[in-house]
C-alpha atoms as a PDB file:
ATOM      1  CA  UNK A   1      -4.959  19.379  36.133  1.00  0.00           C
ATOM      2  CA  UNK A   2      -4.080  22.983  35.507  1.00  0.00           C
ATOM      3  CA  UNK A   3      -6.049  23.889  32.431  1.00  0.00           C
ATOM      4  CA  UNK A   4      -9.485  24.955  31.383  1.00  0.00           C
ATOM      5  CA  UNK A   5     -11.780  23.587  28.728  1.00  0.00           C
ATOM      6  CA  UNK A   6     -13.675  25.402  25.991  1.00  0.00           C
ATOM      7  CA  UNK A   7     -16.579  23.584  24.358  1.00  0.00           C
ATOM      8  CA  UNK A   8     -19.305  26.169  23.769  1.00  0.00           C
ATOM      9  CA  UNK A   9     -19.219  29.814  24.765  1.00  0.00           C
ATOM     10  CA  UNK A  10     -22.983  29.782  25.150  1.00  0.00           C
ATOM     11  CA  UNK A  11     -22.855  27.110  27.860  1.00  0.00           C
ATOM     12  CA  UNK A  12     -20.810  28.338  30.804  1.00  0.00           C
ATOM     13  CA  UNK A  13     -21.989  25.609  33.139  1.00  0.00           C
ATOM     14  CA  UNK A  14     -20.940  22.842  30.759  1.00  0.00           C
ATOM     15  CA  UNK A  15     -17.612  24.576  30.382  1.00  0.00           C
ATOM     16  CA  UNK A  16     -16.995  24.612  34.140  1.00  0.00           C
ATOM     17  CA  UNK A  17     -18.212  21.064  34.743  1.00  0.00           C
ATOM     18  CA  UNK A  18     -16.209  19.773  31.849  1.00  0.00           C
ATOM     19  CA  UNK A  19     -13.020  21.247  33.289  1.00  0.00           C
ATOM     20  CA  UNK A  20     -13.418  18.888  36.247  1.00  0.00           C
ATOM     21  CA  UNK A  21     -13.783  15.859  34.004  1.00  0.00           C
ATOM     22  CA  UNK A  22     -10.901  17.087  31.916  1.00  0.00           C
ATOM     23  CA  UNK A  23      -8.656  17.266  34.968  1.00  0.00           C
ATOM     24  CA  UNK A  24      -9.080  13.571  35.616  1.00  0.00           C
ATOM     25  CA  UNK A  25      -8.843  12.181  32.220  1.00  0.00           C
ATOM     26  CA  UNK A  26      -5.927  10.890  30.381  1.00  0.00           C
ATOM     27  CA  UNK A  27      -2.568   9.874  31.624  1.00  0.00           C
ATOM     28  CA  UNK A  28      -3.420   6.250  31.805  1.00  0.00           C
ATOM     29  CA  UNK A  29      -4.336   6.165  28.170  1.00  0.00           C
ATOM     30  CA  UNK A  30      -0.655   6.353  27.673  1.00  0.00           C
ATOM     31  CA  UNK A  31      -0.347   3.341  29.922  1.00  0.00           C
ATOM     32  CA  UNK A  32      -3.090   1.550  28.007  1.00  0.00           C
ATOM     33  CA  UNK A  33      -2.219   2.291  24.443  1.00  0.00           C
ATOM     34  CA  UNK A  34       1.228   3.637  24.144  1.00  0.00           C
ATOM     35  CA  UNK A  35       3.321   1.366  26.344  1.00  0.00           C
ATOM     36  CA  UNK A  36       2.637  -2.133  25.054  1.00  0.00           C
ATOM     37  CA  UNK A  37       5.865  -3.747  23.852  1.00  0.00           C
ATOM     38  CA  UNK A  38       6.514  -6.693  21.569  1.00  0.00           C
ATOM     39  CA  UNK A  39       9.938  -8.329  21.554  1.00  0.00           C
ATOM     40  CA  UNK A  40      11.541  -8.319  18.130  1.00  0.00           C
ATOM     41  CA  UNK A  41      14.906  -9.564  16.865  1.00  0.00           C
ATOM     42  CA  UNK A  42      17.673  -6.956  16.600  1.00  0.00           C
ATOM     43  CA  UNK A  43      18.441  -5.075  13.420  1.00  0.00           C
ATOM     44  CA  UNK A  44      22.192  -5.422  13.668  1.00  0.00           C
ATOM     45  CA  UNK A  45      22.222  -7.679  10.610  1.00  0.00           C
ATOM     46  CA  UNK A  46      21.336  -4.662   8.475  1.00  0.00           C
ATOM     47  CA  UNK A  47      24.319  -2.648   7.321  1.00  0.00           C
ATOM     48  CA  UNK A  48      22.375   0.637   7.146  1.00  0.00           C
ATOM     49  CA  UNK A  49      18.871   0.429   8.628  1.00  0.00           C
ATOM     50  CA  UNK A  50      16.423   2.955   7.246  1.00  0.00           C
ATOM     51  CA  UNK A  51      15.251   5.600   9.712  1.00  0.00           C
ATOM     52  CA  UNK A  52      11.513   5.196   9.141  1.00  0.00           C
ATOM     53  CA  UNK A  53      11.768   1.416   9.465  1.00  0.00           C
ATOM     54  CA  UNK A  54      13.596   1.807  12.784  1.00  0.00           C
ATOM     55  CA  UNK A  55      10.879   4.103  14.103  1.00  0.00           C
ATOM     56  CA  UNK A  56       8.102   1.841  12.873  1.00  0.00           C
ATOM     57  CA  UNK A  57       9.757  -1.092  14.578  1.00  0.00           C
ATOM     58  CA  UNK A  58      10.150   0.787  17.846  1.00  0.00           C
ATOM     59  CA  UNK A  59       6.558   2.008  17.952  1.00  0.00           C
ATOM     60  CA  UNK A  60       5.168  -1.388  16.945  1.00  0.00           C
ATOM     61  CA  UNK A  61       7.284  -2.792  19.762  1.00  0.00           C
ATOM     62  CA  UNK A  62       5.800  -0.244  22.150  1.00  0.00           C
ATOM     63  CA  UNK A  63       2.142  -0.862  21.399  1.00  0.00           C
ATOM     64  CA  UNK A  64       1.307  -4.539  20.757  1.00  0.00           C
ATOM     65  CA  UNK A  65      -1.970  -5.793  19.243  1.00  0.00           C
ATOM     66  CA  UNK A  66      -3.734  -5.527  22.593  1.00  0.00           C
ATOM     67  CA  UNK A  67      -2.781  -4.964  26.214  1.00  0.00           C
ATOM     68  CA  UNK A  68      -3.964  -4.840  29.803  1.00  0.00           C
ATOM     69  CA  UNK A  69      -1.783  -2.886  32.219  1.00  0.00           C
ATOM     70  CA  UNK A  70      -1.583  -1.524  35.740  1.00  0.00           C
ATOM     71  CA  UNK A  71       0.419   1.697  35.920  1.00  0.00           C
ATOM     72  CA  UNK A  72       1.455   4.090  38.638  1.00  0.00           C
ATOM     73  CA  UNK A  73       1.820   7.772  37.754  1.00  0.00           C
ATOM     74  CA  UNK A  74       3.804  10.209  39.894  1.00  0.00           C
ATOM     75  CA  UNK A  75       3.418  13.933  39.240  1.00  0.00           C
ATOM     76  CA  UNK A  76       6.271  15.861  40.856  1.00  0.00           C
ATOM     77  CA  UNK A  77       6.471  19.592  41.463  1.00  0.00           C
ATOM     78  CA  UNK A  78       9.002  21.530  43.560  1.00  0.00           C
ATOM     79  CA  UNK A  79       6.545  21.927  46.451  1.00  0.00           C
ATOM     80  CA  UNK A  80       4.348  18.832  46.136  1.00  0.00           C
ATOM     81  CA  UNK A  81       3.984  15.370  44.685  1.00  0.00           C
ATOM     82  CA  UNK A  82       0.989  13.123  44.032  1.00  0.00           C
ATOM     83  CA  UNK A  83       0.581   9.539  42.859  1.00  0.00           C
ATOM     84  CA  UNK A  84      -2.265   7.871  40.981  1.00  0.00           C
ATOM     85  CA  UNK A  85      -2.881   4.278  39.906  1.00  0.00           C
ATOM     86  CA  UNK A  86      -4.707   3.272  36.764  1.00  0.00           C
ATOM     87  CA  UNK A  87      -5.868   0.248  34.815  1.00  0.00           C
ATOM     88  CA  UNK A  88      -5.425   0.445  31.061  1.00  0.00           C
ATOM     89  CA  UNK A  89      -6.635  -1.508  28.044  1.00  0.00           C
ATOM     90  CA  UNK A  90      -5.547  -1.041  24.445  1.00  0.00           C
ATOM     91  CA  UNK A  91      -6.692  -2.447  21.120  1.00  0.00           C
ATOM     92  CA  UNK A  92      -4.637  -1.926  18.000  1.00  0.00           C
ATOM     93  CA  UNK A  93      -2.829   1.339  17.390  1.00  0.00           C
ATOM     94  CA  UNK A  94      -5.528   3.869  18.250  1.00  0.00           C
ATOM     95  CA  UNK A  95      -8.117   2.527  20.715  1.00  0.00           C
ATOM     96  CA  UNK A  96      -7.629   2.653  24.486  1.00  0.00           C
ATOM     97  CA  UNK A  97      -9.523   2.782  27.751  1.00  0.00           C
ATOM     98  CA  UNK A  98      -8.019   3.971  31.037  1.00  0.00           C
ATOM     99  CA  UNK A  99      -9.690   3.927  34.420  1.00  0.00           C
ATOM    100  CA  UNK A 100      -8.215   5.372  37.617  1.00  0.00           C
ATOM    101  CA  UNK A 101      -8.453   3.148  40.694  1.00  0.00           C
ATOM    102  CA  UNK A 102      -6.545   5.223  43.280  1.00  0.00           C
ATOM    103  CA  UNK A 103      -6.469   7.481  45.203  1.00  0.00           C
ATOM    104  CA  UNK A 104     -10.150   7.492  46.236  1.00  0.00           C
ATOM    105  CA  UNK A 105     -10.776  11.042  45.047  1.00  0.00           C
ATOM    106  CA  UNK A 106      -9.752  10.069  41.506  1.00  0.00           C
ATOM    107  CA  UNK A 107     -11.085   6.502  41.418  1.00  0.00           C
ATOM    108  CA  UNK A 108     -13.674   5.954  38.703  1.00  0.00           C
ATOM    109  CA  UNK A 109     -12.497   8.735  36.428  1.00  0.00           C
ATOM    110  CA  UNK A 110     -11.869   7.298  32.995  1.00  0.00           C
ATOM    111  CA  UNK A 111     -10.848   8.156  29.457  1.00  0.00           C
ATOM    112  CA  UNK A 112     -11.788   6.428  26.226  1.00  0.00           C
ATOM    113  CA  UNK A 113     -10.005   6.973  22.912  1.00  0.00           C
ATOM    114  CA  UNK A 114     -11.370   5.573  19.663  1.00  0.00           C
ATOM    115  CA  UNK A 115      -9.317   6.699  16.696  1.00  0.00           C
ATOM    116  CA  UNK A 116      -9.342  10.508  16.683  1.00  0.00           C
ATOM    117  CA  UNK A 117     -12.213  10.738  19.189  1.00  0.00           C
ATOM    118  CA  UNK A 118     -11.649  11.085  22.928  1.00  0.00           C
ATOM    119  CA  UNK A 119     -14.143  11.069  25.813  1.00  0.00           C
ATOM    120  CA  UNK A 120     -13.668  11.515  29.554  1.00  0.00           C
ATOM    121  CA  UNK A 121     -15.978  10.388  32.351  1.00  0.00           C
ATOM    122  CA  UNK A 122     -16.329  12.071  35.752  1.00  0.00           C
ATOM    123  CA  UNK A 123     -18.230   9.838  38.199  1.00  0.00           C
ATOM    124  CA  UNK A 124     -18.933  12.690  40.628  1.00  0.00           C
ATOM    125  CA  UNK A 125     -20.828  14.506  37.889  1.00  0.00           C
ATOM    126  CA  UNK A 126     -21.968  11.264  36.235  1.00  0.00           C
ATOM    127  CA  UNK A 127     -21.039  12.953  32.969  1.00  0.00           C
ATOM    128  CA  UNK A 128     -19.334  11.841  29.754  1.00  0.00           C
ATOM    129  CA  UNK A 129     -17.704  14.635  27.751  1.00  0.00           C
ATOM    130  CA  UNK A 130     -16.209  14.457  24.284  1.00  0.00           C
ATOM    131  CA  UNK A 131     -12.978  16.461  24.122  1.00  0.00           C
ATOM    132  CA  UNK A 132     -12.524  18.874  21.217  1.00  0.00           C
ATOM    133  CA  UNK A 133      -9.355  18.694  19.142  1.00  0.00           C
ATOM    134  CA  UNK A 134      -8.232  22.032  20.593  1.00  0.00           C
ATOM    135  CA  UNK A 135      -7.773  20.414  24.024  1.00  0.00           C
ATOM    136  CA  UNK A 136      -5.780  17.365  23.012  1.00  0.00           C
ATOM    137  CA  UNK A 137      -2.446  19.163  23.221  1.00  0.00           C
ATOM    138  CA  UNK A 138      -3.028  20.327  26.792  1.00  0.00           C
ATOM    139  CA  UNK A 139      -1.802  18.840  30.052  1.00  0.00           C
ATOM    140  CA  UNK A 140      -3.510  15.711  31.213  1.00  0.00           C
ATOM    141  CA  UNK A 141      -4.253  15.185  34.919  1.00  0.00           C
ATOM    142  CA  UNK A 142      -1.998  18.138  35.717  1.00  0.00           C
ATOM    143  CA  UNK A 143       0.931  16.083  34.457  1.00  0.00           C
ATOM    144  CA  UNK A 144       3.664  16.736  31.923  1.00  0.00           C
ATOM    145  CA  UNK A 145       1.972  14.421  29.416  1.00  0.00           C
ATOM    146  CA  UNK A 146      -0.746  15.565  27.023  1.00  0.00           C
ATOM    147  CA  UNK A 147      -3.697  13.947  25.303  1.00  0.00           C
ATOM    148  CA  UNK A 148      -1.774  14.039  22.034  1.00  0.00           C
ATOM    149  CA  UNK A 149       0.961  11.859  23.527  1.00  0.00           C
ATOM    150  CA  UNK A 150      -1.378   8.915  23.152  1.00  0.00           C
ATOM    151  CA  UNK A 151      -1.266   9.097  19.358  1.00  0.00           C
ATOM    152  CA  UNK A 152       2.421   9.987  19.232  1.00  0.00           C
ATOM    153  CA  UNK A 153       3.346   6.907  17.203  1.00  0.00           C
ATOM    154  CA  UNK A 154       0.878   7.631  14.429  1.00  0.00           C
ATOM    155  CA  UNK A 155       1.851  11.292  14.397  1.00  0.00           C
ATOM    156  CA  UNK A 156       5.610  10.907  14.185  1.00  0.00           C
ATOM    157  CA  UNK A 157       5.332   8.144  11.584  1.00  0.00           C
ATOM    158  CA  UNK A 158       2.687   9.706   9.352  1.00  0.00           C
ATOM    159  CA  UNK A 159       3.405  13.416   9.527  1.00  0.00           C
ATOM    160  CA  UNK A 160       7.206  13.583   9.706  1.00  0.00           C
ATOM    161  CA  UNK A 161      10.200  12.671   7.559  1.00  0.00           C
ATOM    162  CA  UNK A 162      13.061  10.817   9.236  1.00  0.00           C
ATOM    163  CA  UNK A 163      16.831  10.579   9.108  1.00  0.00           C
ATOM    164  CA  UNK A 164      19.482   8.991  11.326  1.00  0.00           C
ATOM    165  CA  UNK A 165      21.726  11.670  12.827  1.00  0.00           C
ATOM    166  CA  UNK A 166      23.782   9.605  15.312  1.00  0.00           C
ATOM    167  CA  UNK A 167      24.503   6.071  16.456  1.00  0.00           C
ATOM    168  CA  UNK A 168      25.735   4.721  19.776  1.00  0.00           C
ATOM    169  CA  UNK A 169      25.221   1.905  22.251  1.00  0.00           C
ATOM    170  CA  UNK A 170      22.771   1.307  25.099  1.00  0.00           C
ATOM    171  CA  UNK A 171      22.317  -1.735  27.303  1.00  0.00           C
ATOM    172  CA  UNK A 172      24.467  -3.931  25.093  1.00  0.00           C
ATOM    173  CA  UNK A 173      22.563  -2.926  21.943  1.00  0.00           C
ATOM    174  CA  UNK A 174      23.222  -0.502  19.134  1.00  0.00           C
ATOM    175  CA  UNK A 175      21.189   2.705  19.398  1.00  0.00           C
ATOM    176  CA  UNK A 176      20.068   5.170  16.748  1.00  0.00           C
ATOM    177  CA  UNK A 177      19.149   8.842  17.104  1.00  0.00           C
ATOM    178  CA  UNK A 178      16.562   9.860  14.518  1.00  0.00           C
ATOM    179  CA  UNK A 179      15.531  13.381  13.591  1.00  0.00           C
ATOM    180  CA  UNK A 180      11.850  13.689  12.628  1.00  0.00           C
ATOM    181  CA  UNK A 181      10.946  16.834  10.665  1.00  0.00           C
ATOM    182  CA  UNK A 182       7.342  17.791   9.821  1.00  0.00           C
ATOM    183  CA  UNK A 183       6.153  17.199   6.282  1.00  0.00           C
ATOM    184  CA  UNK A 184       4.987  20.277   4.388  1.00  0.00           C
ATOM    185  CA  UNK A 185       1.495  21.239   5.512  1.00  0.00           C
ATOM    186  CA  UNK A 186       1.311  18.510   8.166  1.00  0.00           C
ATOM    187  CA  UNK A 187      -1.008  19.366  11.108  1.00  0.00           C
ATOM    188  CA  UNK A 188       1.604  18.997  13.858  1.00  0.00           C
ATOM    189  CA  UNK A 189       2.445  20.826  17.074  1.00  0.00           C
ATOM    190  CA  UNK A 190       6.198  20.288  17.208  1.00  0.00           C
ATOM    191  CA  UNK A 191       8.880  21.935  15.097  1.00  0.00           C
ATOM    192  CA  UNK A 192      10.703  18.595  15.198  1.00  0.00           C
ATOM    193  CA  UNK A 193      11.158  15.502  17.319  1.00  0.00           C
ATOM    194  CA  UNK A 194      14.422  13.709  18.034  1.00  0.00           C
ATOM    195  CA  UNK A 195      13.812  10.047  18.839  1.00  0.00           C
ATOM    196  CA  UNK A 196      16.321   7.548  20.221  1.00  0.00           C
ATOM    197  CA  UNK A 197      15.672   3.842  19.648  1.00  0.00           C
ATOM    198  CA  UNK A 198      17.504   0.584  20.278  1.00  0.00           C
ATOM    199  CA  UNK A 199      18.156  -2.074  17.637  1.00  0.00           C
ATOM    200  CA  UNK A 200      15.826  -4.536  19.414  1.00  0.00           C
ATOM    201  CA  UNK A 201      12.825  -2.235  19.080  1.00  0.00           C
ATOM    202  CA  UNK A 202      12.977  -0.431  22.428  1.00  0.00           C
ATOM    203  CA  UNK A 203      12.146   3.271  22.471  1.00  0.00           C
ATOM    204  CA  UNK A 204      14.768   5.041  24.595  1.00  0.00           C
ATOM    205  CA  UNK A 205      13.577   8.627  24.504  1.00  0.00           C
ATOM    206  CA  UNK A 206      12.032  11.555  22.658  1.00  0.00           C
ATOM    207  CA  UNK A 207      12.923  15.255  22.716  1.00  0.00           C
ATOM    208  CA  UNK A 208      10.265  17.686  21.523  1.00  0.00           C
ATOM    209  CA  UNK A 209      11.162  21.012  19.892  1.00  0.00           C
ATOM    210  CA  UNK A 210       8.918  24.026  19.429  1.00  0.00           C
ATOM    211  CA  UNK A 211       8.512  25.910  16.165  1.00  0.00           C
ATOM    212  CA  UNK A 212      11.642  27.963  16.983  1.00  0.00           C
ATOM    213  CA  UNK A 213      13.590  24.678  17.235  1.00  0.00           C
ATOM    214  CA  UNK A 214      14.130  25.008  20.976  1.00  0.00           C
ATOM    215  CA  UNK A 215      13.778  21.813  23.060  1.00  0.00           C
ATOM    216  CA  UNK A 216      10.799  22.125  25.383  1.00  0.00           C
ATOM    217  CA  UNK A 217      10.003  18.581  26.592  1.00  0.00           C
ATOM    218  CA  UNK A 218      11.974  15.386  27.004  1.00  0.00           C
ATOM    219  CA  UNK A 219      10.754  11.849  27.646  1.00  0.00           C
ATOM    220  CA  UNK A 220      13.242   9.190  28.728  1.00  0.00           C
ATOM    221  CA  UNK A 221      13.014   5.462  29.316  1.00  0.00           C
ATOM    222  CA  UNK A 222      14.505   5.092  32.795  1.00  0.00           C
ATOM    223  CA  UNK A 223      14.098   1.355  33.203  1.00  0.00           C
ATOM    224  CA  UNK A 224      13.610  -1.598  30.863  1.00  0.00           C
ATOM    225  CA  UNK A 225      12.345  -4.816  32.391  1.00  0.00           C
ATOM    226  CA  UNK A 226      10.610  -7.985  31.319  1.00  0.00           C
ATOM    227  CA  UNK A 227       6.830  -7.713  31.535  1.00  0.00           C
ATOM    228  CA  UNK A 228       4.416 -10.122  29.921  1.00  0.00           C
ATOM    229  CA  UNK A 229       7.370 -12.162  28.707  1.00  0.00           C
ATOM    230  CA  UNK A 230       9.031  -9.374  26.717  1.00  0.00           C
ATOM    231  CA  UNK A 231      11.360  -6.379  27.150  1.00  0.00           C
ATOM    232  CA  UNK A 232       9.311  -3.356  28.062  1.00  0.00           C
ATOM    233  CA  UNK A 233       9.986   0.348  28.822  1.00  0.00           C
ATOM    234  CA  UNK A 234       8.644  -0.042  32.353  1.00  0.00           C
ATOM    235  CA  UNK A 235       9.538   3.412  33.694  1.00  0.00           C
ATOM    236  CA  UNK A 236       9.200   6.552  31.588  1.00  0.00           C
ATOM    237  CA  UNK A 237       9.703  10.136  32.701  1.00  0.00           C
ATOM    238  CA  UNK A 238       8.475  13.278  30.951  1.00  0.00           C
ATOM    239  CA  UNK A 239      10.170  16.575  31.848  1.00  0.00           C
ATOM    240  CA  UNK A 240       9.250  20.145  31.064  1.00  0.00           C
ATOM    241  CA  UNK A 241      12.645  21.612  30.107  1.00  0.00           C
ATOM    242  CA  UNK A 242      11.516  25.188  30.681  1.00  0.00           C
ATOM    243  CA  UNK A 243      10.578  24.469  34.307  1.00  0.00           C
ATOM    244  CA  UNK A 244      13.270  22.545  36.202  1.00  0.00           C
ATOM    245  CA  UNK A 245      11.958  20.458  39.051  1.00  0.00           C
ATOM    246  CA  UNK A 246       8.771  19.474  37.217  1.00  0.00           C
ATOM    247  CA  UNK A 247       8.392  15.934  35.905  1.00  0.00           C
ATOM    248  CA  UNK A 248       5.917  13.084  35.553  1.00  0.00           C
ATOM    249  CA  UNK A 249       6.864   9.423  35.831  1.00  0.00           C
ATOM    250  CA  UNK A 250       4.903   6.408  34.601  1.00  0.00           C
ATOM    251  CA  UNK A 251       5.781   3.048  36.114  1.00  0.00           C
ATOM    252  CA  UNK A 252       4.094  -0.022  34.664  1.00  0.00           C
ATOM    253  CA  UNK A 253       3.658  -2.609  37.421  1.00  0.00           C
ATOM    254  CA  UNK A 254       1.745  -5.355  35.584  1.00  0.00           C
ATOM    255  CA  UNK A 255       1.169  -6.045  31.893  1.00  0.00           C
ATOM    256  CA  UNK A 256      -0.394  -8.630  29.596  1.00  0.00           C
ATOM    257  CA  UNK A 257      -0.054  -8.410  25.828  1.00  0.00           C
ATOM    258  CA  UNK A 258      -1.785  -9.795  22.756  1.00  0.00           C
ATOM    259  CA  UNK A 259      -4.726 -11.016  24.780  1.00  0.00           C
ATOM    260  CA  UNK A 260      -8.392 -11.201  23.698  1.00  0.00           C
ATOM    261  CA  UNK A 261     -10.405  -8.215  24.923  1.00  0.00           C
ATOM    262  CA  UNK A 262     -14.194  -7.908  24.581  1.00  0.00           C
ATOM    263  CA  UNK A 263     -15.485  -5.213  22.261  1.00  0.00           C
ATOM    264  CA  UNK A 264     -17.718  -3.727  24.957  1.00  0.00           C
ATOM    265  CA  UNK A 265     -14.635  -2.465  26.810  1.00  0.00           C
ATOM    266  CA  UNK A 266     -14.161   0.201  24.142  1.00  0.00           C
ATOM    267  CA  UNK A 267     -17.638   1.726  24.267  1.00  0.00           C
ATOM    268  CA  UNK A 268     -19.068   4.897  25.771  1.00  0.00           C
ATOM    269  CA  UNK A 269     -21.503   2.732  27.754  1.00  0.00           C
ATOM    270  CA  UNK A 270     -18.639   0.926  29.483  1.00  0.00           C
ATOM    271  CA  UNK A 271     -16.857   4.212  30.027  1.00  0.00           C
ATOM    272  CA  UNK A 272     -19.624   5.441  32.340  1.00  0.00           C
ATOM    273  CA  UNK A 273     -20.962   2.041  33.536  1.00  0.00           C
ATOM    274  CA  UNK A 274     -17.837  -0.094  33.863  1.00  0.00           C
ATOM    275  CA  UNK A 275     -17.910  -3.821  33.352  1.00  0.00           C
ATOM    276  CA  UNK A 276     -14.127  -4.095  33.174  1.00  0.00           C
END
């Protein structure tokens, strides 16, 4: 991961050690908590579906009540490419655990998110570090995803207003393009988000705009397949629009949804001493 970490200016060693844990932390949280889909009936019966309801439906469809997934992440740069594999678990809308299982140099690194709190574990240092809010918008695992992408659903639903700006078709379904603008005083990073959803609750893509209303990142659903008995955005790609040739792809290989998960999975003890 190509970023540093600032926790306490008085503790330089903690700052340097934490950067290592921070480099191996997060991407699979997305696989654990953000990519759990629930099949829902289409909205075509509604003459004029409301934008917020469409978004709520899509993000509910994406998350599920609980999930267990195996995901492959490919980070591509013009001169190199690397691939990691992770196991992910999610509970509700805001709790997730991700543990890397390959390659060997990354295996054992893990991230735990409980509500607004996020911890990372580095097995080489045998250290658990709580990430400050100032780091959550930074790159995770050197990828084009960030820590904040994990809570994207809550953010775009709670802190933005929504309106439909276009309709179309995709995969035999009606699609809707929704503009999400920040509410006054909302603590958000993006100047706006433009979200495309399908009438059966599948998220098709998100474009992120900076405060000058220039598009800077774009996530697309590249493949929808049946996983766990339901339609699922199985392949997602995030691109940095300012740097052509850079992208990160998440491919979910296995998934189970709405399954019972023990509470101990989502604890700091299990983060550093796995029983999963």
